[in-house]
Amino acid sequence: MLPRRKPRSRPSLAKRIGIEAHAVWLTARDPRAPWPARLVGLLVAAYALSPIDLIPDFIPILGLVDDLILVPAGIWLFLKLLPEGLYEEHRAVAEAAAERPRSRTGILLVLILWVLAAWLVWSLLSWSYD
């Protein structure tokens, strides 16, 4: 009897949009992409990866609908402006990057730097001239 293999689950919609946005970002920075496509790609990637949305995500249903409509529509337009095969190269790179393990040490280092920066700003703002 063959051992059972765990069925491969499909990535969630949020993860797929994240991978696509990363691929758009990589493709838009490629010098082989035409300028109109680069401009659209940078706008789509900035919107998809930005924490600021047209409709905030905490608003029920509507907050996520804008991501589900605007980002795929922007990616569709971006793909129409690109030469054949360029996007697929960068999508493979983005998928490989999504499979890499995350570094907890790196996250901790970034958090420490943010805390130190906040402390420095607080110290400078609370400093008084006596």
C-alpha atoms as a PDB file:
ATOM      1  CA  MET A   1       0.000   0.000   0.000  1.00  0.00           C
ATOM      2  CA  LEU A   2       1.338   3.422  -0.929  1.00  0.00           C
ATOM      3  CA  PRO A   3       1.650   6.039   1.775  1.00  0.00           C
ATOM      4  CA  ARG A   4      -0.981   8.708   1.686  1.00  0.00           C
ATOM      5  CA  ARG A   5       0.125  12.029   0.398  1.00  0.00           C
ATOM      6  CA  LYS A   6      -1.343  15.108   1.898  1.00  0.00           C
ATOM      7  CA  PRO A   7      -3.451  16.815  -0.761  1.00  0.00           C
ATOM      8  CA  ARG A   8      -1.874  20.046  -1.838  1.00  0.00           C
ATOM      9  CA  SER A   9      -4.086  22.893  -0.814  1.00  0.00           C
ATOM     10  CA  ARG A  10      -4.532  25.932  -2.980  1.00  0.00           C
ATOM     11  CA  PRO A  11      -3.177  29.161  -1.556  1.00  0.00           C
ATOM     12  CA  SER A  12      -5.703  31.569  -0.129  1.00  0.00           C
ATOM     13  CA  LEU A  13      -6.926  34.463  -2.210  1.00  0.00           C
ATOM     14  CA  ALA A  14      -4.955  36.916  -0.062  1.00  0.00           C
ATOM     15  CA  LYS A  15      -1.756  34.935  -0.591  1.00  0.00           C
ATOM     16  CA  ARG A  16      -2.363  34.674  -4.352  1.00  0.00           C
ATOM     17  CA  ILE A  17      -2.971  38.423  -4.609  1.00  0.00           C
ATOM     18  CA  GLY A  18       0.203  38.997  -2.581  1.00  0.00           C
ATOM     19  CA  ILE A  19       2.206  36.803  -4.962  1.00  0.00           C
ATOM     20  CA  GLU A  20       0.685  38.520  -8.000  1.00  0.00           C
ATOM     21  CA  ALA A  21       1.388  41.972  -6.529  1.00  0.00           C
ATOM     22  CA  HIS A  22       4.998  40.970  -5.874  1.00  0.00           C
ATOM     23  CA  ALA A  23       5.304  39.707  -9.449  1.00  0.00           C
ATOM     24  CA  VAL A  24       3.828  42.979 -10.741  1.00  0.00           C
ATOM     25  CA  TRP A  25       6.357  44.920  -8.638  1.00  0.00           C
ATOM     26  CA  LEU A  26       9.251  42.872 -10.005  1.00  0.00           C
ATOM     27  CA  THR A  27       8.025  43.153 -13.598  1.00  0.00           C
ATOM     28  CA  ALA A  28       7.397  46.897 -13.358  1.00  0.00           C
ATOM     29  CA  ARG A  29      11.015  47.405 -12.310  1.00  0.00           C
ATOM     30  CA  ASP A  30      12.315  45.369 -15.259  1.00  0.00           C
ATOM     31  CA  PRO A  31      13.875  47.610 -17.950  1.00  0.00           C
ATOM     32  CA  ARG A  32      12.353  45.403 -20.692  1.00  0.00           C
ATOM     33  CA  ALA A  33       8.840  46.520 -19.697  1.00  0.00           C
ATOM     34  CA  PRO A  34       7.419  49.459 -21.678  1.00  0.00           C
ATOM     35  CA  TRP A  35       6.917  52.711 -19.766  1.00  0.00           C
ATOM     36  CA  PRO A  36       3.074  52.707 -19.762  1.00  0.00           C
ATOM     37  CA  ALA A  37       3.124  49.174 -18.325  1.00  0.00           C
ATOM     38  CA  ARG A  38       5.729  50.161 -15.753  1.00  0.00           C
ATOM     39  CA  LEU A  39       3.609  53.082 -14.587  1.00  0.00           C
ATOM     40  CA  VAL A  40       0.447  50.963 -14.296  1.00  0.00           C
ATOM     41  CA  GLY A  41       2.414  48.174 -12.600  1.00  0.00           C
ATOM     42  CA  LEU A  42       3.931  50.473  -9.997  1.00  0.00           C
ATOM     43  CA  LEU A  43       0.499  51.929  -9.220  1.00  0.00           C
ATOM     44  CA  VAL A  44      -1.083  48.472  -8.911  1.00  0.00           C
ATOM     45  CA  ALA A  45       1.746  47.119  -6.742  1.00  0.00           C
ATOM     46  CA  ALA A  46       1.728  50.216  -4.529  1.00  0.00           C
ATOM     47  CA  TYR A  47      -2.032  49.933  -4.030  1.00  0.00           C
ATOM     48  CA  ALA A  48      -1.956  46.171  -3.402  1.00  0.00           C
ATOM     49  CA  LEU A  49       0.965  46.285  -0.969  1.00  0.00           C
ATOM     50  CA  SER A  50       0.003  49.527   0.764  1.00  0.00           C
ATOM     51  CA  PRO A  51      -1.808  49.412   4.086  1.00  0.00           C
ATOM     52  CA  ILE A  52      -3.926  52.385   2.919  1.00  0.00           C
ATOM     53  CA  ASP A  53      -7.015  51.511   0.835  1.00  0.00           C
ATOM     54  CA  LEU A  54      -9.729  53.528  -0.857  1.00  0.00           C
ATOM     55  CA  ILE A  55     -12.221  51.778   1.400  1.00  0.00           C
ATOM     56  CA  PRO A  56     -10.709  50.684   4.760  1.00  0.00           C
ATOM     57  CA  ASP A  57     -10.637  46.915   5.346  1.00  0.00           C
ATOM     58  CA  PHE A  58     -12.438  47.153   8.689  1.00  0.00           C
ATOM     59  CA  ILE A  59     -15.687  48.130   6.909  1.00  0.00           C
ATOM     60  CA  PRO A  60     -17.563  44.832   6.529  1.00  0.00           C
ATOM     61  CA  ILE A  61     -17.676  43.401   3.006  1.00  0.00           C
ATOM     62  CA  LEU A  62     -16.921  46.690   1.195  1.00  0.00           C
ATOM     63  CA  GLY A  63     -13.438  46.909   2.718  1.00  0.00           C
ATOM     64  CA  LEU A  64     -12.305  43.713   1.006  1.00  0.00           C
ATOM     65  CA  VAL A  65     -14.319  44.139  -2.180  1.00  0.00           C
ATOM     66  CA  ASP A  66     -12.132  47.005  -3.384  1.00  0.00           C
ATOM     67  CA  ASP A  67      -9.070  44.751  -3.108  1.00  0.00           C
ATOM     68  CA  LEU A  68     -10.895  41.959  -4.916  1.00  0.00           C
ATOM     69  CA  ILE A  69     -11.918  44.222  -7.798  1.00  0.00           C
ATOM     70  CA  LEU A  70      -9.275  46.935  -8.188  1.00  0.00           C
ATOM     71  CA  VAL A  71      -6.139  44.808  -7.814  1.00  0.00           C
ATOM     72  CA  PRO A  72      -7.167  42.084 -10.324  1.00  0.00           C
ATOM     73  CA  ALA A  73      -8.432  44.752 -12.748  1.00  0.00           C
ATOM     74  CA  GLY A  74      -5.122  46.586 -12.458  1.00  0.00           C
ATOM     75  CA  ILE A  75      -3.174  43.363 -12.975  1.00  0.00           C
ATOM     76  CA  TRP A  76      -5.306  42.581 -16.054  1.00  0.00           C
ATOM     77  CA  LEU A  77      -4.544  46.008 -17.548  1.00  0.00           C
ATOM     78  CA  PHE A  78      -0.860  45.610 -16.658  1.00  0.00           C
ATOM     79  CA  LEU A  79      -0.702  42.237 -18.415  1.00  0.00           C
ATOM     80  CA  LYS A  80      -2.329  43.710 -21.556  1.00  0.00           C
ATOM     81  CA  LEU A  81       0.460  46.309 -21.752  1.00  0.00           C
ATOM     82  CA  LEU A  82       3.339  43.822 -21.369  1.00  0.00           C
ATOM     83  CA  PRO A  83       5.193  41.817 -24.012  1.00  0.00           C
ATOM     84  CA  GLU A  84       4.525  38.071 -23.997  1.00  0.00           C
ATOM     85  CA  GLY A  85       6.416  35.992 -21.408  1.00  0.00           C
ATOM     86  CA  LEU A  86       7.896  38.801 -19.321  1.00  0.00           C
ATOM     87  CA  TYR A  87       5.378  38.534 -16.487  1.00  0.00           C
ATOM     88  CA  GLU A  88       5.689  34.741 -16.224  1.00  0.00           C
ATOM     89  CA  GLU A  89       9.423  35.073 -15.472  1.00  0.00           C
ATOM     90  CA  HIS A  90       8.766  37.350 -12.548  1.00  0.00           C
ATOM     91  CA  ARG A  91       5.759  35.381 -11.309  1.00  0.00           C
ATOM     92  CA  ALA A  92       8.017  32.333 -10.879  1.00  0.00           C
ATOM     93  CA  VAL A  93      10.432  34.433  -8.830  1.00  0.00           C
ATOM     94  CA  ALA A  94       7.574  35.794  -6.691  1.00  0.00           C
ATOM     95  CA  GLU A  95       6.190  32.275  -6.081  1.00  0.00           C
ATOM     96  CA  ALA A  96       9.649  31.057  -5.028  1.00  0.00           C
ATOM     97  CA  ALA A  97       9.976  34.029  -2.671  1.00  0.00           C
ATOM     98  CA  ALA A  98       6.596  33.207  -1.097  1.00  0.00           C
ATOM     99  CA  GLU A  99       7.803  29.680  -0.295  1.00  0.00           C
ATOM    100  CA  ARG A 100      10.923  30.853   1.539  1.00  0.00           C
ATOM    101  CA  PRO A 101      10.843  30.638   5.321  1.00  0.00           C
ATOM    102  CA  ARG A 102      10.408  33.863   7.234  1.00  0.00           C
ATOM    103  CA  SER A 103      13.188  35.014   9.517  1.00  0.00           C
ATOM    104  CA  ARG A 104      12.010  35.645  13.052  1.00  0.00           C
ATOM    105  CA  THR A 105      15.380  37.160  13.863  1.00  0.00           C
ATOM    106  CA  GLY A 106      14.909  39.662  11.040  1.00  0.00           C
ATOM    107  CA  ILE A 107      11.442  40.572  12.292  1.00  0.00           C
ATOM    108  CA  LEU A 108      12.798  41.027  15.809  1.00  0.00           C
ATOM    109  CA  LEU A 109      15.630  43.210  14.522  1.00  0.00           C
ATOM    110  CA  VAL A 110      13.206  45.446  12.612  1.00  0.00           C
ATOM    111  CA  LEU A 111      10.950  45.751  15.668  1.00  0.00           C
ATOM    112  CA  ILE A 112      13.917  46.708  17.858  1.00  0.00           C
ATOM    113  CA  LEU A 113      14.956  49.358  15.333  1.00  0.00           C
ATOM    114  CA  TRP A 114      11.421  50.797  15.302  1.00  0.00           C
ATOM    115  CA  VAL A 115      11.319  50.900  19.108  1.00  0.00           C
ATOM    116  CA  LEU A 116      14.707  52.636  19.227  1.00  0.00           C
ATOM    117  CA  ALA A 117      13.590  55.147  16.595  1.00  0.00           C
ATOM    118  CA  ALA A 118      10.376  55.857  18.536  1.00  0.00           C
ATOM    119  CA  TRP A 119      12.364  56.296  21.750  1.00  0.00           C
ATOM    120  CA  LEU A 120      14.770  58.703  20.012  1.00  0.00           C
ATOM    121  CA  VAL A 121      11.904  60.787  18.618  1.00  0.00           C
ATOM    122  CA  TRP A 122      10.202  60.794  22.023  1.00  0.00           C
ATOM    123  CA  SER A 123      13.439  61.873  23.696  1.00  0.00           C
ATOM    124  CA  LEU A 124      13.978  64.706  21.232  1.00  0.00           C
ATOM    125  CA  LEU A 125      10.394  65.940  21.489  1.00  0.00           C
ATOM    126  CA  SER A 126      10.290  65.815  25.286  1.00  0.00           C
ATOM    127  CA  TRP A 127      13.651  67.534  25.704  1.00  0.00           C
ATOM    128  CA  SER A 128      13.213  70.897  27.366  1.00  0.00           C
ATOM    129  CA  TYR A 129      15.376  73.978  27.460  1.00  0.00           C
ATOM    130  CA  ASP A 130      15.959  74.908  31.083  1.00  0.00           C
END
